[in-house]
Amino acid sequence: MRPFGNRAFVNQLLVYTLVMISLTGSIGLGTVWLRHQISVTANSTRVLEASVAEVERSMAETTIRVAAEETLEALTRRNAEWKLGLMPPLESQVHRVAMSPERRLAALRNQEVFSDRPADGSGVVIFRVGGGVERR
């Protein structure tokens, strides 16, 4: 029995051919699966973008409605409809702020954070391990 005859070569060729077909098929199957995953991701992205656009449109509509209700005419009309008896403020009651109100309120709120002493007058309490309390 000769192991390296014509039949042995044909058997090896057949095995290598089957291995190559299997590898090529696996690569093709992987490519199809990858394209499917890309398609699924693209569809979900498209759905999310549509959802975001819908929410942004809704927010824009709500902002427009709020702006329409904040006008002086709308507030005066609501006051008359609901019989609230509210009067517009006098100019002496209005205090104009030169800087941004948000920054001014944040500065007032955080004033004690950046100062040496708290605004309420309480001091810092230090507890010592040996006993005793020191107040500053």
Protein backbone atom coordinates (compact mmCIF):
# COMPACT_ATOMS: atom_id res chain seq x y z
CA MET A 1 0.00 0.00 0.00
CA ARG A 2 1.52 3.26 -1.13
CA PRO A 3 0.44 6.34 0.86
CA PHE A 4 1.68 8.81 -1.74
CA GLY A 5 -0.04 7.53 -4.84
CA ASN A 6 -2.50 9.19 -7.22
CA ARG A 7 -5.44 8.43 -4.93
CA ALA A 8 -3.70 10.07 -1.96
CA PHE A 9 -3.21 13.23 -4.01
CA VAL A 10 -6.85 13.23 -5.10
CA ASN A 11 -7.99 12.69 -1.50
CA GLN A 12 -5.85 15.59 -0.30
CA LEU A 13 -7.10 17.79 -3.11
CA LEU A 14 -10.69 16.87 -2.24
CA VAL A 15 -10.15 17.64 1.47
CA TYR A 16 -8.48 20.98 0.71
CA THR A 17 -11.26 21.89 -1.70
CA LEU A 18 -13.93 21.10 0.92
CA VAL A 19 -12.03 23.15 3.52
CA MET A 20 -11.78 26.11 1.13
CA ILE A 21 -15.49 25.90 0.27
CA SER A 22 -16.33 25.80 3.99
CA LEU A 23 -14.10 28.79 4.76
CA THR A 24 -15.50 30.76 1.83
CA GLY A 25 -19.04 29.92 2.90
CA SER A 26 -18.27 30.97 6.47
CA ILE A 27 -16.86 34.27 5.26
CA GLY A 28 -19.92 34.82 3.07
CA LEU A 29 -22.27 33.98 5.94
CA GLY A 30 -20.37 36.36 8.20
CA THR A 31 -20.65 39.10 5.59
CA VAL A 32 -24.40 38.59 5.24
CA TRP A 33 -24.84 38.62 9.03
CA LEU A 34 -22.75 41.80 9.30
CA ARG A 35 -24.80 43.53 6.60
CA HIS A 36 -27.98 42.49 8.43
CA GLN A 37 -26.66 43.95 11.69
CA ILE A 38 -25.78 47.19 9.89
CA SER A 39 -29.31 47.30 8.46
CA VAL A 40 -30.89 46.70 11.88
CA THR A 41 -28.74 49.42 13.44
CA ALA A 42 -29.58 51.85 10.64
CA ASN A 43 -33.30 51.18 11.09
CA SER A 44 -33.16 51.71 14.84
CA THR A 45 -31.15 54.90 14.32
CA ARG A 46 -33.75 56.13 11.85
CA VAL A 47 -36.54 55.42 14.36
CA LEU A 48 -34.66 57.23 17.12
CA GLU A 49 -34.01 60.24 14.89
CA ALA A 50 -37.71 60.41 14.03
CA SER A 51 -38.56 60.22 17.73
CA VAL A 52 -36.09 63.00 18.56
CA ALA A 53 -37.50 65.16 15.76
CA GLU A 54 -41.04 64.58 17.11
CA VAL A 55 -40.00 65.56 20.64
CA GLU A 56 -38.19 68.67 19.38
CA ARG A 57 -41.25 69.66 17.35
CA SER A 58 -43.44 69.17 20.40
CA MET A 59 -41.08 71.25 22.52
CA ALA A 60 -41.10 74.02 19.92
CA GLU A 61 -44.92 74.01 19.88
CA THR A 62 -45.01 74.15 23.68
CA THR A 63 -42.51 77.02 23.72
CA ILE A 64 -44.63 78.92 21.22
CA ARG A 65 -47.78 78.33 23.29
CA VAL A 66 -46.04 79.47 26.48
CA ALA A 67 -44.68 82.58 24.73
CA ALA A 68 -48.16 83.38 23.44
CA GLU A 69 -49.63 83.08 26.94
CA GLU A 70 -46.91 85.30 28.47
CA THR A 71 -47.76 88.35 26.37
CA LEU A 72 -49.26 91.36 28.12
CA GLU A 73 -52.50 91.08 26.14
CA ALA A 74 -52.98 87.42 27.07
CA LEU A 75 -52.24 88.07 30.74
CA THR A 76 -54.67 91.01 30.80
CA ARG A 77 -57.33 88.89 29.08
CA ARG A 78 -56.85 86.02 31.59
CA ASN A 79 -57.06 88.49 34.46
CA ALA A 80 -60.39 89.76 33.15
CA GLU A 81 -61.74 86.26 32.33
CA TRP A 82 -60.88 84.77 35.69
CA LYS A 83 -61.78 87.95 37.63
CA LEU A 84 -58.51 87.93 39.54
CA GLY A 85 -58.43 91.68 40.14
CA LEU A 86 -54.70 91.90 39.51
CA MET A 87 -53.20 95.29 38.68
CA PRO A 88 -50.06 95.92 36.65
CA PRO A 89 -47.11 97.03 38.79
CA LEU A 90 -46.32 100.70 39.14
CA GLU A 91 -42.97 101.90 37.88
CA SER A 92 -41.93 102.68 41.46
CA GLN A 93 -42.44 98.98 42.33
CA VAL A 94 -40.20 97.76 39.51
CA HIS A 95 -36.51 97.24 40.30
CA ARG A 96 -34.36 97.04 37.18
CA VAL A 97 -31.28 94.81 37.40
CA ALA A 98 -28.37 95.72 35.14
CA MET A 99 -26.70 92.31 35.06
CA SER A 100 -28.17 88.90 34.31
CA PRO A 101 -30.65 87.92 37.06
CA GLU A 102 -29.43 84.31 36.98
CA ARG A 103 -25.83 85.36 37.61
CA ARG A 104 -26.87 87.80 40.31
CA LEU A 105 -28.92 85.18 42.18
CA ALA A 106 -26.13 82.60 41.81
CA ALA A 107 -23.60 85.09 43.20
CA LEU A 108 -25.87 85.86 46.17
CA ARG A 109 -26.45 82.17 46.82
CA ASN A 110 -22.78 81.22 46.57
CA GLN A 111 -21.47 84.26 48.43
CA GLU A 112 -20.86 82.32 51.65
CA VAL A 113 -19.11 79.51 49.79
CA PHE A 114 -16.28 81.80 48.70
CA SER A 115 -16.01 83.93 51.86
CA ASP A 116 -14.08 83.16 55.03
CA ARG A 117 -17.11 83.26 57.32
CA PRO A 118 -20.62 81.95 56.72
CA ALA A 119 -23.33 84.56 56.21
CA ASP A 120 -25.44 83.34 59.16
CA GLY A 121 -22.71 84.14 61.70
CA SER A 122 -22.09 80.60 62.89
CA GLY A 123 -18.48 79.59 63.21
CA VAL A 124 -16.52 76.53 62.24
CA VAL A 125 -16.45 73.81 64.92
CA ILE A 126 -13.33 71.66 65.29
CA PHE A 127 -13.46 68.49 67.40
CA ARG A 128 -10.19 67.36 68.91
CA VAL A 129 -9.43 63.74 69.71
CA GLY A 130 -8.25 64.52 73.26
CA GLY A 131 -11.54 66.21 74.09
CA GLY A 132 -12.68 69.75 73.96
CA VAL A 133 -14.24 71.81 71.23
CA GLU A 134 -12.75 74.87 69.61
CA ARG A 135 -14.95 77.48 67.96
CA ARG A 136 -13.71 80.02 65.50
